[in-house]
Amino acid sequence: MKEVELSSLDLRYAALRLQQPALEERLLGSIAQGGIQEPLEGVEIEQVHVLLDGFKRYRCAKKLHLGTVPYRSLGQDPSVGLLSLLRRRPDQGLSLLEQAAFLDELRQSRPMSSLGQLAADLGRSQAWISVRLGVLAQMSEPVRRQLFAGAFPAYCYLYSLPRFRRLKGVSPAKIEQFVVALSGQGLSVREVEHLAQGFFCGPPSLRQEILKGNLALVLEQIRPQPRPPDGCSEFERLFLGELQRAQKSLQRVMSKSLDPRLKSPDFQAQCHLLSQALLSQAQAFLDILRQVYDRSRQT
């Protein structure tokens, strides 16, 4: 390991690594406080430091105007350096898309190597390699650019969109349209999944709105409404309130009706009229109340 000039690093392999703006922002704060703890790594090609690992640290160092960075050489052969990174544990090394990009680069730089030879060099199965190369093979160039630039969530592409690819009429061109339309919008995984449902399964009008960039409008239309804490709609809560008020009114009328203070002639005249009106509706009220009671009891 040694210190090298930041400006001396060759970034030709930057397109093989995923950009993750949120993670990079946190890393920037950490480096600003404690410096770069892990050295950047690369290979020496004609005395040039060609970077393979540490692009986030490189960009952070550039933002912080650092002149030099710690650097460790993985040899002089790019293939050896790529293999070294691919052999690392998942929590120490590359994401699935980065593994796919490295494998594709290895296959192009070693055209005579078979899939079996590559698997043997990595200590992996041929199926492990085929899966990753397959993911990359079905990806168009515009989609690849957006994913590796961190403009579209890689998780959504790998795990949310495959179920839509199996639908009739969903072509690679439609997948590309969707990814490009949503790239750079700062959407969450949940929002992307809602929009995918509308784009691939909804009416053509929703698809057109998404392609026009009216994402907030579409999300408002298709986002599931949160279930109220009590499980009731606003109308249901209003009706329950009416029942509660009716119950309290009945209790108050029954408790006060025999009070000896209710005796003035004016009171008696008005009470007679109101009682008559209530009695004329009493039977209909009780019939409706029984229906409500029977219906609610069945559930």
C-alpha atoms as a PDB file:
ATOM      1  CA  MET A   1       0.000   0.000   0.000  1.00  0.00           C
ATOM      2  CA  LYS A   2       1.187   3.500  -0.803  1.00  0.00           C
ATOM      3  CA  GLU A   3      -0.049   7.062  -1.220  1.00  0.00           C
ATOM      4  CA  VAL A   4      -0.677   8.122  -4.825  1.00  0.00           C
ATOM      5  CA  GLU A   5      -1.773  11.360  -6.423  1.00  0.00           C
ATOM      6  CA  LEU A   6      -5.530  11.442  -6.897  1.00  0.00           C
ATOM      7  CA  SER A   7      -5.053  12.869 -10.383  1.00  0.00           C
ATOM      8  CA  SER A   8      -2.867   9.906 -11.380  1.00  0.00           C
ATOM      9  CA  LEU A   9      -5.707   7.349 -11.168  1.00  0.00           C
ATOM     10  CA  ASP A  10      -7.109   5.971 -14.429  1.00  0.00           C
ATOM     11  CA  LEU A  11     -10.919   5.544 -14.307  1.00  0.00           C
ATOM     12  CA  ARG A  12     -11.447   3.385 -17.395  1.00  0.00           C
ATOM     13  CA  TYR A  13     -13.354   0.739 -15.404  1.00  0.00           C
ATOM     14  CA  ALA A  14     -15.718   3.184 -13.683  1.00  0.00           C
ATOM     15  CA  ALA A  15     -18.640   2.029 -15.853  1.00  0.00           C
ATOM     16  CA  LEU A  16     -18.410  -1.450 -14.273  1.00  0.00           C
ATOM     17  CA  ARG A  17     -19.302  -0.136 -10.807  1.00  0.00           C
ATOM     18  CA  LEU A  18     -22.690   0.991  -9.509  1.00  0.00           C
ATOM     19  CA  GLN A  19     -23.066   4.543  -8.295  1.00  0.00           C
ATOM     20  CA  GLN A  20     -25.066   4.813  -5.055  1.00  0.00           C
ATOM     21  CA  PRO A  21     -25.639   8.494  -4.252  1.00  0.00           C
ATOM     22  CA  ALA A  22     -27.169   7.963  -0.790  1.00  0.00           C
ATOM     23  CA  LEU A  23     -24.355   5.660   0.323  1.00  0.00           C
ATOM     24  CA  GLU A  24     -21.790   7.979  -1.179  1.00  0.00           C
ATOM     25  CA  GLU A  25     -23.237  10.930   0.742  1.00  0.00           C
ATOM     26  CA  ARG A  26     -22.794   9.066   4.032  1.00  0.00           C
ATOM     27  CA  LEU A  27     -19.289   8.027   3.025  1.00  0.00           C
ATOM     28  CA  LEU A  28     -18.431  11.656   2.287  1.00  0.00           C
ATOM     29  CA  GLY A  29     -19.248  12.649   5.858  1.00  0.00           C
ATOM     30  CA  SER A  30     -17.228   9.759   7.248  1.00  0.00           C
ATOM     31  CA  ILE A  31     -14.163  10.596   5.146  1.00  0.00           C
ATOM     32  CA  ALA A  32     -14.450  14.285   6.011  1.00  0.00           C
ATOM     33  CA  GLN A  33     -14.172  13.363   9.698  1.00  0.00           C
ATOM     34  CA  GLY A  34     -11.742  10.450   9.704  1.00  0.00           C
ATOM     35  CA  GLY A  35     -10.126  10.278   6.290  1.00  0.00           C
ATOM     36  CA  ILE A  36     -10.015   7.289   3.947  1.00  0.00           C
ATOM     37  CA  GLN A  37      -9.614   4.151   6.060  1.00  0.00           C
ATOM     38  CA  GLU A  38      -9.558   1.499   3.304  1.00  0.00           C
ATOM     39  CA  PRO A  39      -7.113   1.903   0.394  1.00  0.00           C
ATOM     40  CA  LEU A  40      -8.342   2.184  -3.171  1.00  0.00           C
ATOM     41  CA  GLU A  41      -7.280  -0.769  -5.341  1.00  0.00           C
ATOM     42  CA  GLY A  42      -6.255  -1.203  -8.941  1.00  0.00           C
ATOM     43  CA  VAL A  43      -3.739  -2.644 -11.356  1.00  0.00           C
ATOM     44  CA  GLU A  44      -0.599  -1.206 -12.928  1.00  0.00           C
ATOM     45  CA  ILE A  45      -0.846  -1.014 -16.726  1.00  0.00           C
ATOM     46  CA  GLU A  46       2.235   0.536 -18.289  1.00  0.00           C
ATOM     47  CA  GLN A  47       3.012   2.309 -14.990  1.00  0.00           C
ATOM     48  CA  VAL A  48      -0.495   3.780 -14.819  1.00  0.00           C
ATOM     49  CA  HIS A  49      -2.663   3.221 -11.731  1.00  0.00           C
ATOM     50  CA  VAL A  50      -5.900   1.824 -13.216  1.00  0.00           C
ATOM     51  CA  LEU A  51      -8.617   1.903 -10.554  1.00  0.00           C
ATOM     52  CA  LEU A  52     -10.801  -1.182 -10.030  1.00  0.00           C
ATOM     53  CA  ASP A  53     -12.198  -0.670  -6.533  1.00  0.00           C
ATOM     54  CA  GLY A  54     -12.813   2.529  -4.601  1.00  0.00           C
ATOM     55  CA  PHE A  55     -14.660   4.782  -7.040  1.00  0.00           C
ATOM     56  CA  LYS A  56     -16.942   6.133  -4.292  1.00  0.00           C
ATOM     57  CA  ARG A  57     -13.901   6.956  -2.176  1.00  0.00           C
ATOM     58  CA  TYR A  58     -12.299   8.558  -5.238  1.00  0.00           C
ATOM     59  CA  ARG A  59     -15.299  10.839  -5.848  1.00  0.00           C
ATOM     60  CA  CYS A  60     -15.471  11.749  -2.163  1.00  0.00           C
ATOM     61  CA  ALA A  61     -11.753  12.570  -2.131  1.00  0.00           C
ATOM     62  CA  LYS A  62     -12.247  14.765  -5.176  1.00  0.00           C
ATOM     63  CA  LYS A  63     -15.143  16.642  -3.524  1.00  0.00           C
ATOM     64  CA  LEU A  64     -12.992  17.174  -0.428  1.00  0.00           C
ATOM     65  CA  HIS A  65     -10.044  18.359  -2.565  1.00  0.00           C
ATOM     66  CA  LEU A  66      -7.681  15.678  -1.252  1.00  0.00           C
ATOM     67  CA  GLY A  67      -4.400  15.589  -3.121  1.00  0.00           C
ATOM     68  CA  THR A  68      -3.429  11.982  -2.373  1.00  0.00           C
ATOM     69  CA  VAL A  69      -5.207   8.754  -1.410  1.00  0.00           C
ATOM     70  CA  PRO A  70      -4.063   5.370  -0.044  1.00  0.00           C
ATOM     71  CA  TYR A  71      -3.729   2.843  -2.853  1.00  0.00           C
ATOM     72  CA  ARG A  72      -2.993  -0.868  -3.101  1.00  0.00           C
ATOM     73  CA  SER A  73      -1.892  -2.605  -6.301  1.00  0.00           C
ATOM     74  CA  LEU A  74      -3.452  -5.941  -7.309  1.00  0.00           C
ATOM     75  CA  GLY A  75      -0.778  -6.643  -9.914  1.00  0.00           C
ATOM     76  CA  GLN A  76      -0.200  -5.755 -13.524  1.00  0.00           C
ATOM     77  CA  ASP A  77      -2.852  -7.925 -15.185  1.00  0.00           C
ATOM     78  CA  PRO A  78      -6.412  -6.479 -15.239  1.00  0.00           C
ATOM     79  CA  SER A  79      -7.852 -10.005 -15.404  1.00  0.00           C
ATOM     80  CA  VAL A  80      -6.083 -10.968 -12.192  1.00  0.00           C
ATOM     81  CA  GLY A  81      -7.398  -7.845 -10.496  1.00  0.00           C
ATOM     82  CA  LEU A  82     -10.969  -8.522 -11.639  1.00  0.00           C
ATOM     83  CA  LEU A  83     -10.764 -12.125 -10.460  1.00  0.00           C
ATOM     84  CA  SER A  84      -9.422 -11.004  -7.085  1.00  0.00           C
ATOM     85  CA  LEU A  85     -12.431  -8.744  -6.520  1.00  0.00           C
ATOM     86  CA  LEU A  86     -14.901 -11.376  -7.748  1.00  0.00           C
ATOM     87  CA  ARG A  87     -13.573 -13.926  -5.249  1.00  0.00           C
ATOM     88  CA  ARG A  88     -14.349 -11.746  -2.238  1.00  0.00           C
ATOM     89  CA  ARG A  89     -17.324 -12.352   0.042  1.00  0.00           C
ATOM     90  CA  PRO A  90     -20.542 -10.581  -1.029  1.00  0.00           C
ATOM     91  CA  ASP A  91     -20.462  -8.274   2.007  1.00  0.00           C
ATOM     92  CA  GLN A  92     -16.920  -7.228   1.100  1.00  0.00           C
ATOM     93  CA  GLY A  93     -17.133  -7.104  -2.642  1.00  0.00           C
ATOM     94  CA  LEU A  94     -19.461  -6.525  -5.549  1.00  0.00           C
ATOM     95  CA  SER A  95     -23.204  -6.353  -6.063  1.00  0.00           C
ATOM     96  CA  LEU A  96     -24.842  -8.814  -8.458  1.00  0.00           C
ATOM     97  CA  LEU A  97     -24.828  -6.284 -11.315  1.00  0.00           C
ATOM     98  CA  GLU A  98     -21.188  -5.430 -10.703  1.00  0.00           C
ATOM     99  CA  GLN A  99     -20.325  -9.125 -10.671  1.00  0.00           C
ATOM    100  CA  ALA A 100     -22.125  -9.450 -14.013  1.00  0.00           C
ATOM    101  CA  ALA A 101     -20.214  -6.504 -15.479  1.00  0.00           C
ATOM    102  CA  PHE A 102     -16.855  -7.855 -14.251  1.00  0.00           C
ATOM    103  CA  LEU A 103     -17.612 -11.301 -15.656  1.00  0.00           C
ATOM    104  CA  ASP A 104     -18.537  -9.795 -19.012  1.00  0.00           C
ATOM    105  CA  GLU A 105     -15.302  -7.815 -19.025  1.00  0.00           C
ATOM    106  CA  LEU A 106     -13.316 -10.946 -18.200  1.00  0.00           C
ATOM    107  CA  ARG A 107     -14.974 -12.916 -20.960  1.00  0.00           C
ATOM    108  CA  GLN A 108     -14.156 -10.188 -23.478  1.00  0.00           C
ATOM    109  CA  SER A 109     -10.552  -9.862 -22.319  1.00  0.00           C
ATOM    110  CA  ARG A 110     -10.062 -13.650 -22.325  1.00  0.00           C
ATOM    111  CA  PRO A 111     -11.986 -14.837 -25.414  1.00  0.00           C
ATOM    112  CA  MET A 112     -10.275 -18.230 -25.396  1.00  0.00           C
ATOM    113  CA  SER A 113     -11.420 -19.058 -21.869  1.00  0.00           C
ATOM    114  CA  SER A 114     -14.463 -21.284 -21.606  1.00  0.00           C
ATOM    115  CA  LEU A 115     -17.262 -20.835 -19.101  1.00  0.00           C
ATOM    116  CA  GLY A 116     -15.902 -23.861 -17.270  1.00  0.00           C
ATOM    117  CA  GLN A 117     -12.414 -22.361 -17.052  1.00  0.00           C
ATOM    118  CA  LEU A 118     -13.827 -19.086 -15.735  1.00  0.00           C
ATOM    119  CA  ALA A 119     -15.837 -20.989 -13.142  1.00  0.00           C
ATOM    120  CA  ALA A 120     -12.733 -22.913 -12.076  1.00  0.00           C
ATOM    121  CA  ASP A 121     -10.684 -19.699 -11.748  1.00  0.00           C
ATOM    122  CA  LEU A 122     -13.353 -18.199  -9.507  1.00  0.00           C
ATOM    123  CA  GLY A 123     -14.187 -21.323  -7.531  1.00  0.00           C
ATOM    124  CA  ARG A 124     -17.829 -20.900  -8.585  1.00  0.00           C
ATOM    125  CA  SER A 125     -20.328 -23.013 -10.496  1.00  0.00           C
ATOM    126  CA  GLN A 126     -21.073 -22.435 -14.156  1.00  0.00           C
ATOM    127  CA  ALA A 127     -24.698 -21.770 -13.176  1.00  0.00           C
ATOM    128  CA  TRP A 128     -23.574 -18.921 -10.903  1.00  0.00           C
ATOM    129  CA  ILE A 129     -21.769 -17.321 -13.830  1.00  0.00           C
ATOM    130  CA  SER A 130     -24.569 -17.987 -16.348  1.00  0.00           C
ATOM    131  CA  VAL A 131     -27.181 -16.316 -14.161  1.00  0.00           C
ATOM    132  CA  ARG A 132     -25.154 -13.103 -13.958  1.00  0.00           C
ATOM    133  CA  LEU A 133     -24.213 -13.026 -17.611  1.00  0.00           C
ATOM    134  CA  GLY A 134     -27.878 -13.675 -18.438  1.00  0.00           C
ATOM    135  CA  VAL A 135     -28.990 -10.640 -16.416  1.00  0.00           C
ATOM    136  CA  LEU A 136     -26.572  -8.467 -18.356  1.00  0.00           C
ATOM    137  CA  ALA A 137     -27.451  -9.998 -21.729  1.00  0.00           C
ATOM    138  CA  GLN A 138     -31.136  -9.070 -21.480  1.00  0.00           C
ATOM    139  CA  MET A 139     -30.326  -5.492 -20.493  1.00  0.00           C
ATOM    140  CA  SER A 140     -30.334  -2.824 -23.193  1.00  0.00           C
ATOM    141  CA  GLU A 141     -27.560  -0.244 -23.236  1.00  0.00           C
ATOM    142  CA  PRO A 142     -29.815   2.659 -22.081  1.00  0.00           C
ATOM    143  CA  VAL A 143     -31.058   0.539 -19.164  1.00  0.00           C
ATOM    144  CA  ARG A 144     -27.516  -0.417 -18.224  1.00  0.00           C
ATOM    145  CA  ARG A 145     -26.421   3.228 -18.216  1.00  0.00           C
ATOM    146  CA  GLN A 146     -29.265   4.257 -15.917  1.00  0.00           C
ATOM    147  CA  LEU A 147     -28.702   1.371 -13.503  1.00  0.00           C
ATOM    148  CA  PHE A 148     -24.954   1.808 -13.186  1.00  0.00           C
ATOM    149  CA  ALA A 149     -25.337   5.578 -12.875  1.00  0.00           C
ATOM    150  CA  GLY A 150     -27.570   4.982  -9.844  1.00  0.00           C
ATOM    151  CA  ALA A 151     -30.500   6.743 -11.549  1.00  0.00           C
ATOM    152  CA  PHE A 152     -32.854   3.751 -11.244  1.00  0.00           C
ATOM    153  CA  PRO A 153     -32.992   1.388  -8.219  1.00  0.00           C
ATOM    154  CA  ALA A 154     -31.079  -1.782  -9.088  1.00  0.00           C
ATOM    155  CA  TYR A 155     -33.215  -3.746  -6.612  1.00  0.00           C
ATOM    156  CA  CYS A 156     -36.369  -2.886  -8.571  1.00  0.00           C
ATOM    157  CA  TYR A 157     -34.831  -3.974 -11.851  1.00  0.00           C
ATOM    158  CA  LEU A 158     -33.573  -7.262 -10.447  1.00  0.00           C
ATOM    159  CA  TYR A 159     -36.481  -8.272  -8.223  1.00  0.00           C
ATOM    160  CA  SER A 160     -39.604  -6.194  -9.010  1.00  0.00           C
ATOM    161  CA  LEU A 161     -39.630  -6.005 -12.817  1.00  0.00           C
ATOM    162  CA  PRO A 162     -39.066  -9.719 -13.679  1.00  0.00           C
ATOM    163  CA  ARG A 163     -42.701 -10.623 -12.918  1.00  0.00           C
ATOM    164  CA  PHE A 164     -43.864  -7.997 -15.424  1.00  0.00           C
ATOM    165  CA  ARG A 165     -41.454  -9.299 -18.083  1.00  0.00           C
ATOM    166  CA  ARG A 166     -43.400 -12.562 -18.079  1.00  0.00           C
ATOM    167  CA  LEU A 167     -46.657 -10.819 -18.973  1.00  0.00           C
ATOM    168  CA  LYS A 168     -47.922 -11.066 -22.526  1.00  0.00           C
ATOM    169  CA  GLY A 169     -47.065  -7.994 -24.555  1.00  0.00           C
ATOM    170  CA  VAL A 170     -44.301  -6.734 -22.251  1.00  0.00           C
ATOM    171  CA  SER A 171     -41.284  -6.466 -24.530  1.00  0.00           C
ATOM    172  CA  PRO A 172     -37.716  -5.438 -23.662  1.00  0.00           C
ATOM    173  CA  ALA A 173     -38.510  -2.122 -25.358  1.00  0.00           C
ATOM    174  CA  LYS A 174     -41.323  -1.470 -22.842  1.00  0.00           C
ATOM    175  CA  ILE A 175     -39.024  -2.317 -19.951  1.00  0.00           C
ATOM    176  CA  GLU A 176     -36.519   0.169 -21.348  1.00  0.00           C
ATOM    177  CA  GLN A 177     -39.241   2.830 -21.707  1.00  0.00           C
ATOM    178  CA  PHE A 178     -40.254   2.379 -18.096  1.00  0.00           C
ATOM    179  CA  VAL A 179     -36.718   2.455 -16.686  1.00  0.00           C
ATOM    180  CA  VAL A 180     -35.722   5.536 -18.683  1.00  0.00           C
ATOM    181  CA  ALA A 181     -38.972   7.362 -17.779  1.00  0.00           C
ATOM    182  CA  LEU A 182     -38.399   6.856 -14.032  1.00  0.00           C
ATOM    183  CA  SER A 183     -34.627   7.330 -13.954  1.00  0.00           C
ATOM    184  CA  GLY A 184     -33.304  10.233 -11.949  1.00  0.00           C
ATOM    185  CA  GLN A 185     -36.627  10.894 -10.201  1.00  0.00           C
ATOM    186  CA  GLY A 186     -35.452   9.883  -6.717  1.00  0.00           C
ATOM    187  CA  LEU A 187     -38.294   7.383  -6.273  1.00  0.00           C
ATOM    188  CA  SER A 188     -38.473   4.816  -3.504  1.00  0.00           C
ATOM    189  CA  VAL A 189     -38.675   1.084  -4.216  1.00  0.00           C
ATOM    190  CA  ARG A 190     -42.341   1.093  -3.181  1.00  0.00           C
ATOM    191  CA  GLU A 191     -43.155   3.986  -5.532  1.00  0.00           C
ATOM    192  CA  VAL A 192     -41.402   2.272  -8.444  1.00  0.00           C
ATOM    193  CA  GLU A 193     -43.406  -0.909  -7.775  1.00  0.00           C
ATOM    194  CA  HIS A 194     -46.701   1.043  -7.741  1.00  0.00           C
ATOM    195  CA  LEU A 195     -45.795   2.771 -11.003  1.00  0.00           C
ATOM    196  CA  ALA A 196     -44.757  -0.538 -12.596  1.00  0.00           C
ATOM    197  CA  GLN A 197     -48.170  -1.982 -11.759  1.00  0.00           C
ATOM    198  CA  GLY A 198     -49.841   0.956 -13.470  1.00  0.00           C
ATOM    199  CA  PHE A 199     -47.473   0.998 -16.445  1.00  0.00           C
ATOM    200  CA  PHE A 200     -47.606  -2.699 -17.327  1.00  0.00           C
ATOM    201  CA  CYS A 201     -51.063  -3.698 -16.047  1.00  0.00           C
ATOM    202  CA  GLY A 202     -53.043  -0.469 -16.085  1.00  0.00           C
ATOM    203  CA  PRO A 203     -54.890   1.318 -18.904  1.00  0.00           C
ATOM    204  CA  PRO A 204     -52.959   3.036 -21.734  1.00  0.00           C
ATOM    205  CA  SER A 205     -53.810   6.425 -20.228  1.00  0.00           C
ATOM    206  CA  LEU A 206     -51.715   5.634 -17.126  1.00  0.00           C
ATOM    207  CA  ARG A 207     -48.796   4.517 -19.281  1.00  0.00           C
ATOM    208  CA  GLN A 208     -48.915   7.771 -21.237  1.00  0.00           C
ATOM    209  CA  GLU A 209     -48.960   9.865 -18.065  1.00  0.00           C
ATOM    210  CA  ILE A 210     -45.892   8.001 -16.767  1.00  0.00           C
ATOM    211  CA  LEU A 211     -44.050   8.525 -20.054  1.00  0.00           C
ATOM    212  CA  LYS A 212     -44.932  12.238 -19.892  1.00  0.00           C
ATOM    213  CA  GLY A 213     -43.372  12.421 -16.442  1.00  0.00           C
ATOM    214  CA  ASN A 214     -46.603  13.028 -14.495  1.00  0.00           C
ATOM    215  CA  LEU A 215     -45.524  10.567 -11.817  1.00  0.00           C
ATOM    216  CA  ALA A 216     -47.050  12.313  -8.803  1.00  0.00           C
ATOM    217  CA  LEU A 217     -50.452  12.346 -10.504  1.00  0.00           C
ATOM    218  CA  VAL A 218     -50.245   8.634 -11.341  1.00  0.00           C
ATOM    219  CA  LEU A 219     -49.063   7.715  -7.840  1.00  0.00           C
ATOM    220  CA  GLU A 220     -52.005   9.586  -6.360  1.00  0.00           C
ATOM    221  CA  GLN A 221     -54.378   7.555  -8.532  1.00  0.00           C
ATOM    222  CA  ILE A 222     -52.923   4.114  -7.945  1.00  0.00           C
ATOM    223  CA  ARG A 223     -51.337   4.278  -4.491  1.00  0.00           C
ATOM    224  CA  PRO A 224     -53.315   2.078  -2.075  1.00  0.00           C
ATOM    225  CA  GLN A 225     -55.193   4.139   0.482  1.00  0.00           C
ATOM    226  CA  PRO A 226     -54.036   3.500   4.061  1.00  0.00           C
ATOM    227  CA  ARG A 227     -56.509   1.550   6.138  1.00  0.00           C
ATOM    228  CA  PRO A 228     -57.953   3.668   8.994  1.00  0.00           C
ATOM    229  CA  PRO A 229     -56.812   2.622  12.478  1.00  0.00           C
ATOM    230  CA  ASP A 230     -60.357   1.617  13.471  1.00  0.00           C
ATOM    231  CA  GLY A 231     -61.022  -0.127  10.146  1.00  0.00           C
ATOM    232  CA  CYS A 232     -63.980   2.161   9.305  1.00  0.00           C
ATOM    233  CA  SER A 233     -64.501   4.598   6.461  1.00  0.00           C
ATOM    234  CA  GLU A 234     -65.413   8.226   7.133  1.00  0.00           C
ATOM    235  CA  PHE A 235     -69.096   7.572   6.303  1.00  0.00           C
ATOM    236  CA  GLU A 236     -69.152   4.562   8.622  1.00  0.00           C
ATOM    237  CA  ARG A 237     -67.683   6.619  11.459  1.00  0.00           C
ATOM    238  CA  LEU A 238     -70.372   9.292  10.922  1.00  0.00           C
ATOM    239  CA  PHE A 239     -73.153   6.691  11.096  1.00  0.00           C
ATOM    240  CA  LEU A 240     -71.737   5.166  14.279  1.00  0.00           C
ATOM    241  CA  GLY A 241     -71.719   8.655  15.756  1.00  0.00           C
ATOM    242  CA  GLU A 242     -75.412   9.056  14.924  1.00  0.00           C
ATOM    243  CA  LEU A 243     -76.207   5.752  16.646  1.00  0.00           C
ATOM    244  CA  GLN A 244     -74.278   6.827  19.740  1.00  0.00           C
ATOM    245  CA  ARG A 245     -76.125  10.139  19.873  1.00  0.00           C
ATOM    246  CA  ALA A 246     -79.484   8.366  19.405  1.00  0.00           C
ATOM    247  CA  GLN A 247     -78.668   6.006  22.272  1.00  0.00           C
ATOM    248  CA  LYS A 248     -77.721   8.882  24.585  1.00  0.00           C
ATOM    249  CA  SER A 249     -80.865  10.820  23.613  1.00  0.00           C
ATOM    250  CA  LEU A 250     -83.080   7.838  24.398  1.00  0.00           C
ATOM    251  CA  GLN A 251     -81.434   7.423  27.794  1.00  0.00           C
ATOM    252  CA  ARG A 252     -81.876  11.092  28.622  1.00  0.00           C
ATOM    253  CA  VAL A 253     -85.549  11.125  27.498  1.00  0.00           C
ATOM    254  CA  MET A 254     -86.352   8.037  29.571  1.00  0.00           C
ATOM    255  CA  SER A 255     -84.578   9.351  32.677  1.00  0.00           C
ATOM    256  CA  LYS A 256     -86.287  12.788  32.563  1.00  0.00           C
ATOM    257  CA  SER A 257     -89.770  11.946  31.236  1.00  0.00           C
ATOM    258  CA  LEU A 258     -91.331  11.340  34.697  1.00  0.00           C
ATOM    259  CA  ASP A 259     -89.743  14.325  36.402  1.00  0.00           C
ATOM    260  CA  PRO A 260     -92.494  16.300  38.251  1.00  0.00           C
ATOM    261  CA  ARG A 261     -90.973  19.561  37.082  1.00  0.00           C
ATOM    262  CA  LEU A 262     -92.346  18.912  33.559  1.00  0.00           C
ATOM    263  CA  LYS A 263     -95.825  20.410  34.217  1.00  0.00           C
ATOM    264  CA  SER A 264     -96.350  23.854  32.632  1.00  0.00           C
ATOM    265  CA  PRO A 265     -99.166  24.212  30.051  1.00  0.00           C
ATOM    266  CA  ASP A 266     -96.791  25.550  27.399  1.00  0.00           C
ATOM    267  CA  PHE A 267     -94.478  22.576  27.905  1.00  0.00           C
ATOM    268  CA  GLN A 268     -97.357  20.102  27.693  1.00  0.00           C
ATOM    269  CA  ALA A 269     -98.590  21.551  24.407  1.00  0.00           C
ATOM    270  CA  GLN A 270     -95.162  21.451  22.713  1.00  0.00           C
ATOM    271  CA  CYS A 271     -94.301  18.035  24.196  1.00  0.00           C
ATOM    272  CA  HIS A 272     -97.554  16.628  22.831  1.00  0.00           C
ATOM    273  CA  LEU A 273     -96.679  17.715  19.278  1.00  0.00           C
ATOM    274  CA  LEU A 274     -93.092  16.406  19.434  1.00  0.00           C
ATOM    275  CA  SER A 275     -94.146  13.099  20.992  1.00  0.00           C
ATOM    276  CA  GLN A 276     -96.769  12.623  18.298  1.00  0.00           C
ATOM    277  CA  ALA A 277     -94.148  13.181  15.561  1.00  0.00           C
ATOM    278  CA  LEU A 278     -91.754  10.722  17.180  1.00  0.00           C
ATOM    279  CA  LEU A 279     -94.442   8.069  17.639  1.00  0.00           C
ATOM    280  CA  SER A 280     -95.414   8.352  13.966  1.00  0.00           C
ATOM    281  CA  GLN A 281     -91.817   7.441  13.022  1.00  0.00           C
ATOM    282  CA  ALA A 282     -91.151   4.989  15.822  1.00  0.00           C
ATOM    283  CA  GLN A 283     -92.238   1.842  13.994  1.00  0.00           C
ATOM    284  CA  ALA A 284     -90.242   2.708  10.858  1.00  0.00           C
ATOM    285  CA  PHE A 285     -87.215   3.567  13.021  1.00  0.00           C
ATOM    286  CA  LEU A 286     -87.411   0.254  14.876  1.00  0.00           C
ATOM    287  CA  ASP A 287     -87.767  -1.706  11.617  1.00  0.00           C
ATOM    288  CA  ILE A 288     -84.648  -0.044  10.167  1.00  0.00           C
ATOM    289  CA  LEU A 289     -82.763  -0.534  13.417  1.00  0.00           C
ATOM    290  CA  ARG A 290     -83.576  -4.266  13.398  1.00  0.00           C
ATOM    291  CA  GLN A 291     -82.254  -4.548   9.833  1.00  0.00           C
ATOM    292  CA  VAL A 292     -79.040  -2.792  10.803  1.00  0.00           C
ATOM    293  CA  TYR A 293     -78.711  -5.034  13.832  1.00  0.00           C
ATOM    294  CA  ASP A 294     -79.315  -8.268  11.873  1.00  0.00           C
ATOM    295  CA  ARG A 295     -76.909  -7.267   9.092  1.00  0.00           C
ATOM    296  CA  SER A 296     -74.109  -6.330  11.475  1.00  0.00           C
ATOM    297  CA  ARG A 297     -74.631  -9.474  13.581  1.00  0.00           C
ATOM    298  CA  GLN A 298     -74.025 -11.699  10.501  1.00  0.00           C
ATOM    299  CA  THR A 299     -70.493 -10.293  10.042  1.00  0.00           C
END
